[in-house]
Amino acid sequence: MPAAAYSTCLLFSLIECARISNINPEEYLSSIFELAADTSGWTDSNWSELLPWNIKLIKKSDVSTVLIA
């Protein structure tokens, strides 16, 4: 149970940080989950690049794309 509570807290924190950064949380989560699908060889700095204040969502037609700052 503690692991589930930790995961939920992390997810809600990302959602609220996206809102504070004026990023649509649904588009943000969708984009970072797509980017994180293949994380082999990632370091801690790769993960921190996906935080809301380090990215910018670009709308291309109906698909959002992440630009890492």
PDB file of N, CA and C in Angstrom:
ATOM      1  N   MET A   1       0.794  -1.197   0.000  1.00  0.00           N
ATOM      2  CA  MET A   1       0.000   0.000   0.000  1.00  0.00           C
ATOM      3  C   MET A   1       0.846   1.276   0.000  1.00  0.00           C
ATOM      4  N   PRO A   2       1.957   1.358   0.761  1.00  0.00           N
ATOM      5  CA  PRO A   2       2.748   2.580   0.749  1.00  0.00           C
ATOM      6  C   PRO A   2       3.291   2.931  -0.643  1.00  0.00           C
ATOM      7  N   ALA A   3       3.630   1.918  -1.441  1.00  0.00           N
ATOM      8  CA  ALA A   3       4.137   2.184  -2.792  1.00  0.00           C
ATOM      9  C   ALA A   3       3.053   2.814  -3.657  1.00  0.00           C
ATOM     10  N   ALA A   4       1.825   2.363  -3.498  1.00  0.00           N
ATOM     11  CA  ALA A   4       0.710   2.938  -4.262  1.00  0.00           C
ATOM     12  C   ALA A   4       0.472   4.387  -3.855  1.00  0.00           C
ATOM     13  N   ALA A   5       0.564   4.670  -2.566  1.00  0.00           N
ATOM     14  CA  ALA A   5       0.379   6.043  -2.082  1.00  0.00           C
ATOM     15  C   ALA A   5       1.485   6.943  -2.619  1.00  0.00           C
ATOM     16  N   TYR A   6       2.721   6.458  -2.640  1.00  0.00           N
ATOM     17  CA  TYR A   6       3.846   7.223  -3.170  1.00  0.00           C
ATOM     18  C   TYR A   6       3.642   7.518  -4.657  1.00  0.00           C
ATOM     19  N   SER A   7       3.241   6.516  -5.433  1.00  0.00           N
ATOM     20  CA  SER A   7       3.014   6.689  -6.866  1.00  0.00           C
ATOM     21  C   SER A   7       1.900   7.685  -7.147  1.00  0.00           C
ATOM     22  N   THR A   8       0.826   7.595  -6.369  1.00  0.00           N
ATOM     23  CA  THR A   8      -0.298   8.515  -6.536  1.00  0.00           C
ATOM     24  C   THR A   8       0.121   9.940  -6.219  1.00  0.00           C
ATOM     25  N   CYS A   9       0.882  10.108  -5.160  1.00  0.00           N
ATOM     26  CA  CYS A   9       1.376  11.428  -4.779  1.00  0.00           C
ATOM     27  C   CYS A   9       2.249  12.017  -5.886  1.00  0.00           C
ATOM     28  N   LEU A  10       3.119  11.207  -6.451  1.00  0.00           N
ATOM     29  CA  LEU A  10       3.989  11.654  -7.533  1.00  0.00           C
ATOM     30  C   LEU A  10       3.176  12.083  -8.746  1.00  0.00           C
ATOM     31  N   LEU A  11       2.189  11.294  -9.112  1.00  0.00           N
ATOM     32  CA  LEU A  11       1.350  11.614 -10.262  1.00  0.00           C
ATOM     33  C   LEU A  11       0.572  12.909 -10.042  1.00  0.00           C
ATOM     34  N   PHE A  12      -0.033  13.055  -8.870  1.00  0.00           N
ATOM     35  CA  PHE A  12      -0.773  14.282  -8.572  1.00  0.00           C
ATOM     36  C   PHE A  12       0.155  15.489  -8.538  1.00  0.00           C
ATOM     37  N   SER A  13       1.373  15.318  -8.083  1.00  0.00           N
ATOM     38  CA  SER A  13       2.343  16.416  -8.073  1.00  0.00           C
ATOM     39  C   SER A  13       2.679  16.859  -9.492  1.00  0.00           C
ATOM     40  N   LEU A  14       2.857  15.896 -10.395  1.00  0.00           N
ATOM     41  CA  LEU A  14       3.123  16.240 -11.792  1.00  0.00           C
ATOM     42  C   LEU A  14       1.949  16.990 -12.415  1.00  0.00           C
ATOM     43  N   ILE A  15       0.744  16.546 -12.112  1.00  0.00           N
ATOM     44  CA  ILE A  15      -0.452  17.205 -12.647  1.00  0.00           C
ATOM     45  C   ILE A  15      -0.529  18.643 -12.160  1.00  0.00           C
ATOM     46  N   GLU A  16      -0.334  18.862 -10.870  1.00  0.00           N
ATOM     47  CA  GLU A  16      -0.423  20.216 -10.321  1.00  0.00           C
ATOM     48  C   GLU A  16       0.717  21.101 -10.815  1.00  0.00           C
ATOM     49  N   CYS A  17       1.911  20.546 -10.963  1.00  0.00           N
ATOM     50  CA  CYS A  17       3.032  21.326 -11.506  1.00  0.00           C
ATOM     51  C   CYS A  17       2.779  21.715 -12.964  1.00  0.00           C
ATOM     52  N   ALA A  18       2.159  20.839 -13.718  1.00  0.00           N
ATOM     53  CA  ALA A  18       1.797  21.167 -15.093  1.00  0.00           C
ATOM     54  C   ALA A  18       0.802  22.319 -15.115  1.00  0.00           C
ATOM     55  N   ARG A  19      -0.202  22.259 -14.249  1.00  0.00           N
ATOM     56  CA  ARG A  19      -1.191  23.342 -14.177  1.00  0.00           C
ATOM     57  C   ARG A  19      -0.541  24.662 -13.818  1.00  0.00           C
ATOM     58  N   ILE A  20       0.348  24.653 -12.840  1.00  0.00           N
ATOM     59  CA  ILE A  20       1.048  25.873 -12.424  1.00  0.00           C
ATOM     60  C   ILE A  20       1.882  26.428 -13.575  1.00  0.00           C
ATOM     61  N   SER A  21       2.418  25.544 -14.411  1.00  0.00           N
ATOM     62  CA  SER A  21       3.233  25.953 -15.560  1.00  0.00           C
ATOM     63  C   SER A  21       2.394  26.257 -16.794  1.00  0.00           C
ATOM     64  N   ASN A  22       1.076  26.345 -16.614  1.00  0.00           N
ATOM     65  CA  ASN A  22       0.137  26.633 -17.716  1.00  0.00           C
ATOM     66  C   ASN A  22       0.219  25.611 -18.840  1.00  0.00           C
ATOM     67  N   ILE A  23       0.371  24.353 -18.455  1.00  0.00           N
ATOM     68  CA  ILE A  23       0.408  23.242 -19.409  1.00  0.00           C
ATOM     69  C   ILE A  23      -0.807  22.376 -19.139  1.00  0.00           C
ATOM     70  N   ASN A  24      -1.492  21.974 -20.180  1.00  0.00           N
ATOM     71  CA  ASN A  24      -2.632  21.079 -20.039  1.00  0.00           C
ATOM     72  C   ASN A  24      -2.132  19.746 -19.466  1.00  0.00           C
ATOM     73  N   PRO A  25      -2.585  19.374 -18.262  1.00  0.00           N
ATOM     74  CA  PRO A  25      -2.069  18.156 -17.631  1.00  0.00           C
ATOM     75  C   PRO A  25      -2.274  16.883 -18.452  1.00  0.00           C
ATOM     76  N   GLU A  26      -3.412  16.769 -19.120  1.00  0.00           N
ATOM     77  CA  GLU A  26      -3.662  15.568 -19.917  1.00  0.00           C
ATOM     78  C   GLU A  26      -2.680  15.473 -21.086  1.00  0.00           C
ATOM     79  N   GLU A  27      -2.454  16.576 -21.768  1.00  0.00           N
ATOM     80  CA  GLU A  27      -1.502  16.572 -22.880  1.00  0.00           C
ATOM     81  C   GLU A  27      -0.078  16.340 -22.380  1.00  0.00           C
ATOM     82  N   TYR A  28       0.230  16.947 -21.242  1.00  0.00           N
ATOM     83  CA  TYR A  28       1.559  16.786 -20.654  1.00  0.00           C
ATOM     84  C   TYR A  28       1.832  15.321 -20.314  1.00  0.00           C
ATOM     85  N   LEU A  29       0.922  14.705 -19.566  1.00  0.00           N
ATOM     86  CA  LEU A  29       1.122  13.309 -19.173  1.00  0.00           C
ATOM     87  C   LEU A  29       1.181  12.382 -20.381  1.00  0.00           C
ATOM     88  N   SER A  30       0.295  12.608 -21.340  1.00  0.00           N
ATOM     89  CA  SER A  30       0.296  11.794 -22.546  1.00  0.00           C
ATOM     90  C   SER A  30       1.642  11.895 -23.262  1.00  0.00           C
ATOM     91  N   SER A  31       2.162  13.105 -23.363  1.00  0.00           N
ATOM     92  CA  SER A  31       3.429  13.319 -24.069  1.00  0.00           C
ATOM     93  C   SER A  31       4.608  12.702 -23.337  1.00  0.00           C
ATOM     94  N   ILE A  32       4.667  12.889 -22.014  1.00  0.00           N
ATOM     95  CA  ILE A  32       5.830  12.338 -21.308  1.00  0.00           C
ATOM     96  C   ILE A  32       5.759  10.824 -21.196  1.00  0.00           C
ATOM     97  N   PHE A  33       4.549  10.262 -21.117  1.00  0.00           N
ATOM     98  CA  PHE A  33       4.441   8.806 -21.091  1.00  0.00           C
ATOM     99  C   PHE A  33       4.903   8.222 -22.427  1.00  0.00           C
ATOM    100  N   GLU A  34       4.608   8.908 -23.506  1.00  0.00           N
ATOM    101  CA  GLU A  34       5.064   8.448 -24.818  1.00  0.00           C
ATOM    102  C   GLU A  34       6.590   8.520 -24.902  1.00  0.00           C
ATOM    103  N   LEU A  35       7.172   9.614 -24.417  1.00  0.00           N
ATOM    104  CA  LEU A  35       8.627   9.756 -24.435  1.00  0.00           C
ATOM    105  C   LEU A  35       9.310   8.731 -23.534  1.00  0.00           C
ATOM    106  N   ALA A  36       8.671   8.416 -22.417  1.00  0.00           N
ATOM    107  CA  ALA A  36       9.279   7.509 -21.442  1.00  0.00           C
ATOM    108  C   ALA A  36       9.011   6.039 -21.748  1.00  0.00           C
ATOM    109  N   ALA A  37       8.407   5.745 -22.872  1.00  0.00           N
ATOM    110  CA  ALA A  37       8.101   4.350 -23.210  1.00  0.00           C
ATOM    111  C   ALA A  37       9.365   3.509 -23.331  1.00  0.00           C
ATOM    112  N   ASP A  38      10.435   4.109 -23.842  1.00  0.00           N
ATOM    113  CA  ASP A  38      11.707   3.388 -23.949  1.00  0.00           C
ATOM    114  C   ASP A  38      12.739   4.149 -23.130  1.00  0.00           C
ATOM    115  N   THR A  39      12.974   3.691 -21.918  1.00  0.00           N
ATOM    116  CA  THR A  39      13.872   4.401 -21.011  1.00  0.00           C
ATOM    117  C   THR A  39      15.191   3.674 -20.784  1.00  0.00           C
ATOM    118  N   SER A  40      15.482   2.732 -21.621  1.00  0.00           N
ATOM    119  CA  SER A  40      16.742   2.003 -21.446  1.00  0.00           C
ATOM    120  C   SER A  40      17.912   2.977 -21.606  1.00  0.00           C
ATOM    121  N   GLY A  41      18.798   2.956 -20.658  1.00  0.00           N
ATOM    122  CA  GLY A  41      19.965   3.829 -20.708  1.00  0.00           C
ATOM    123  C   GLY A  41      19.728   5.233 -20.180  1.00  0.00           C
ATOM    124  N   TRP A  42      18.561   5.498 -19.631  1.00  0.00           N
ATOM    125  CA  TRP A  42      18.276   6.831 -19.105  1.00  0.00           C
ATOM    126  C   TRP A  42      18.990   7.053 -17.782  1.00  0.00           C
ATOM    127  N   THR A  43      19.360   8.303 -17.546  1.00  0.00           N
ATOM    128  CA  THR A  43      19.946   8.702 -16.269  1.00  0.00           C
ATOM    129  C   THR A  43      18.943   9.595 -15.535  1.00  0.00           C
ATOM    130  N   ASP A  44      19.295   9.989 -14.328  1.00  0.00           N
ATOM    131  CA  ASP A  44      18.419  10.893 -13.566  1.00  0.00           C
ATOM    132  C   ASP A  44      18.180  12.198 -14.309  1.00  0.00           C
ATOM    133  N   SER A  45      19.181  12.694 -15.028  1.00  0.00           N
ATOM    134  CA  SER A  45      19.001  13.962 -15.748  1.00  0.00           C
ATOM    135  C   SER A  45      17.989  13.818 -16.883  1.00  0.00           C
ATOM    136  N   ASN A  46      17.894  12.649 -17.499  1.00  0.00           N
ATOM    137  CA  ASN A  46      16.872  12.434 -18.524  1.00  0.00           C
ATOM    138  C   ASN A  46      15.479  12.571 -17.936  1.00  0.00           C
ATOM    139  N   TRP A  47      15.287  12.030 -16.744  1.00  0.00           N
ATOM    140  CA  TRP A  47      13.977  12.112 -16.099  1.00  0.00           C
ATOM    141  C   TRP A  47      13.660  13.547 -15.719  1.00  0.00           C
ATOM    142  N   SER A  48      14.636  14.285 -15.220  1.00  0.00           N
ATOM    143  CA  SER A  48      14.371  15.665 -14.802  1.00  0.00           C
ATOM    144  C   SER A  48      14.039  16.561 -15.990  1.00  0.00           C
ATOM    145  N   GLU A  49      14.498  16.195 -17.175  1.00  0.00           N
ATOM    146  CA  GLU A  49      14.163  16.970 -18.374  1.00  0.00           C
ATOM    147  C   GLU A  49      12.669  16.909 -18.688  1.00  0.00           C
ATOM    148  N   LEU A  50      11.968  15.912 -18.173  1.00  0.00           N
ATOM    149  CA  LEU A  50      10.539  15.760 -18.444  1.00  0.00           C
ATOM    150  C   LEU A  50       9.648  16.486 -17.441  1.00  0.00           C
ATOM    151  N   LEU A  51      10.234  17.157 -16.465  1.00  0.00           N
ATOM    152  CA  LEU A  51       9.432  17.917 -15.510  1.00  0.00           C
ATOM    153  C   LEU A  51       8.781  19.106 -16.207  1.00  0.00           C
ATOM    154  N   PRO A  52       7.615  19.517 -15.754  1.00  0.00           N
ATOM    155  CA  PRO A  52       6.846  20.551 -16.472  1.00  0.00           C
ATOM    156  C   PRO A  52       7.601  21.850 -16.737  1.00  0.00           C
ATOM    157  N   TRP A  53       8.463  22.268 -15.832  1.00  0.00           N
ATOM    158  CA  TRP A  53       9.170  23.534 -16.041  1.00  0.00           C
ATOM    159  C   TRP A  53      10.349  23.395 -16.987  1.00  0.00           C
ATOM    160  N   ASN A  54      10.659  22.191 -17.438  1.00  0.00           N
ATOM    161  CA  ASN A  54      11.751  21.964 -18.378  1.00  0.00           C
ATOM    162  C   ASN A  54      11.284  21.667 -19.798  1.00  0.00           C
ATOM    163  N   ILE A  55       9.984  21.649 -20.029  1.00  0.00           N
ATOM    164  CA  ILE A  55       9.496  21.309 -21.360  1.00  0.00           C
ATOM    165  C   ILE A  55       8.508  22.355 -21.862  1.00  0.00           C
ATOM    166  N   LYS A  56       8.240  22.271 -23.139  1.00  0.00           N
ATOM    167  CA  LYS A  56       7.208  23.095 -23.759  1.00  0.00           C
ATOM    168  C   LYS A  56       6.429  22.189 -24.703  1.00  0.00           C
ATOM    169  N   LEU A  57       5.104  22.191 -24.562  1.00  0.00           N
ATOM    170  CA  LEU A  57       4.268  21.396 -25.459  1.00  0.00           C
ATOM    171  C   LEU A  57       3.991  22.199 -26.714  1.00  0.00           C
ATOM    172  N   ILE A  58       4.205  21.600 -27.844  1.00  0.00           N
ATOM    173  CA  ILE A  58       3.941  22.224 -29.137  1.00  0.00           C
ATOM    174  C   ILE A  58       2.788  21.476 -29.777  1.00  0.00           C
ATOM    175  N   LYS A  59       1.774  22.195 -30.205  1.00  0.00           N
ATOM    176  CA  LYS A  59       0.602  21.582 -30.831  1.00  0.00           C
ATOM    177  C   LYS A  59       0.868  21.459 -32.336  1.00  0.00           C
ATOM    178  N   LYS A  60       0.872  20.243 -32.837  1.00  0.00           N
ATOM    179  CA  LYS A  60       1.005  19.982 -34.267  1.00  0.00           C
ATOM    180  C   LYS A  60      -0.247  19.247 -34.687  1.00  0.00           C
ATOM    181  N   SER A  61      -1.078  19.914 -35.435  1.00  0.00           N
ATOM    182  CA  SER A  61      -2.417  19.442 -35.788  1.00  0.00           C
ATOM    183  C   SER A  61      -3.151  19.032 -34.519  1.00  0.00           C
ATOM    184  N   ASP A  62      -3.495  17.768 -34.356  1.00  0.00           N
ATOM    185  CA  ASP A  62      -4.206  17.339 -33.162  1.00  0.00           C
ATOM    186  C   ASP A  62      -3.306  16.618 -32.163  1.00  0.00           C
ATOM    187  N   VAL A  63      -2.005  16.677 -32.391  1.00  0.00           N
ATOM    188  CA  VAL A  63      -1.062  15.946 -31.535  1.00  0.00           C
ATOM    189  C   VAL A  63      -0.146  16.938 -30.836  1.00  0.00           C
ATOM    190  N   SER A  64       0.057  16.744 -29.543  1.00  0.00           N
ATOM    191  CA  SER A  64       0.982  17.579 -28.790  1.00  0.00           C
ATOM    192  C   SER A  64       2.359  16.933 -28.815  1.00  0.00           C
ATOM    193  N   THR A  65       3.382  17.741 -28.991  1.00  0.00           N
ATOM    194  CA  THR A  65       4.759  17.279 -28.992  1.00  0.00           C
ATOM    195  C   THR A  65       5.513  18.011 -27.904  1.00  0.00           C
ATOM    196  N   VAL A  66       6.424  17.343 -27.260  1.00  0.00           N
ATOM    197  CA  VAL A  66       7.209  17.935 -26.194  1.00  0.00           C
ATOM    198  C   VAL A  66       8.527  18.440 -26.761  1.00  0.00           C
ATOM    199  N   LEU A  67       8.880  19.685 -26.414  1.00  0.00           N
ATOM    200  CA  LEU A  67      10.213  20.202 -26.672  1.00  0.00           C
ATOM    201  C   LEU A  67      10.894  20.305 -25.325  1.00  0.00           C
ATOM    202  N   ILE A  68      12.058  19.712 -25.205  1.00  0.00           N
ATOM    203  CA  ILE A  68      12.805  19.789 -23.948  1.00  0.00           C
ATOM    204  C   ILE A  68      13.670  21.021 -24.018  1.00  0.00           C
ATOM    205  N   ALA A  69      13.520  21.872 -23.013  1.00  0.00           N
ATOM    206  CA  ALA A  69      14.247  23.153 -22.966  1.00  0.00           C
ATOM    207  C   ALA A  69      15.719  22.966 -22.765  1.00  0.00           C
TER     208      ALA A  69
END
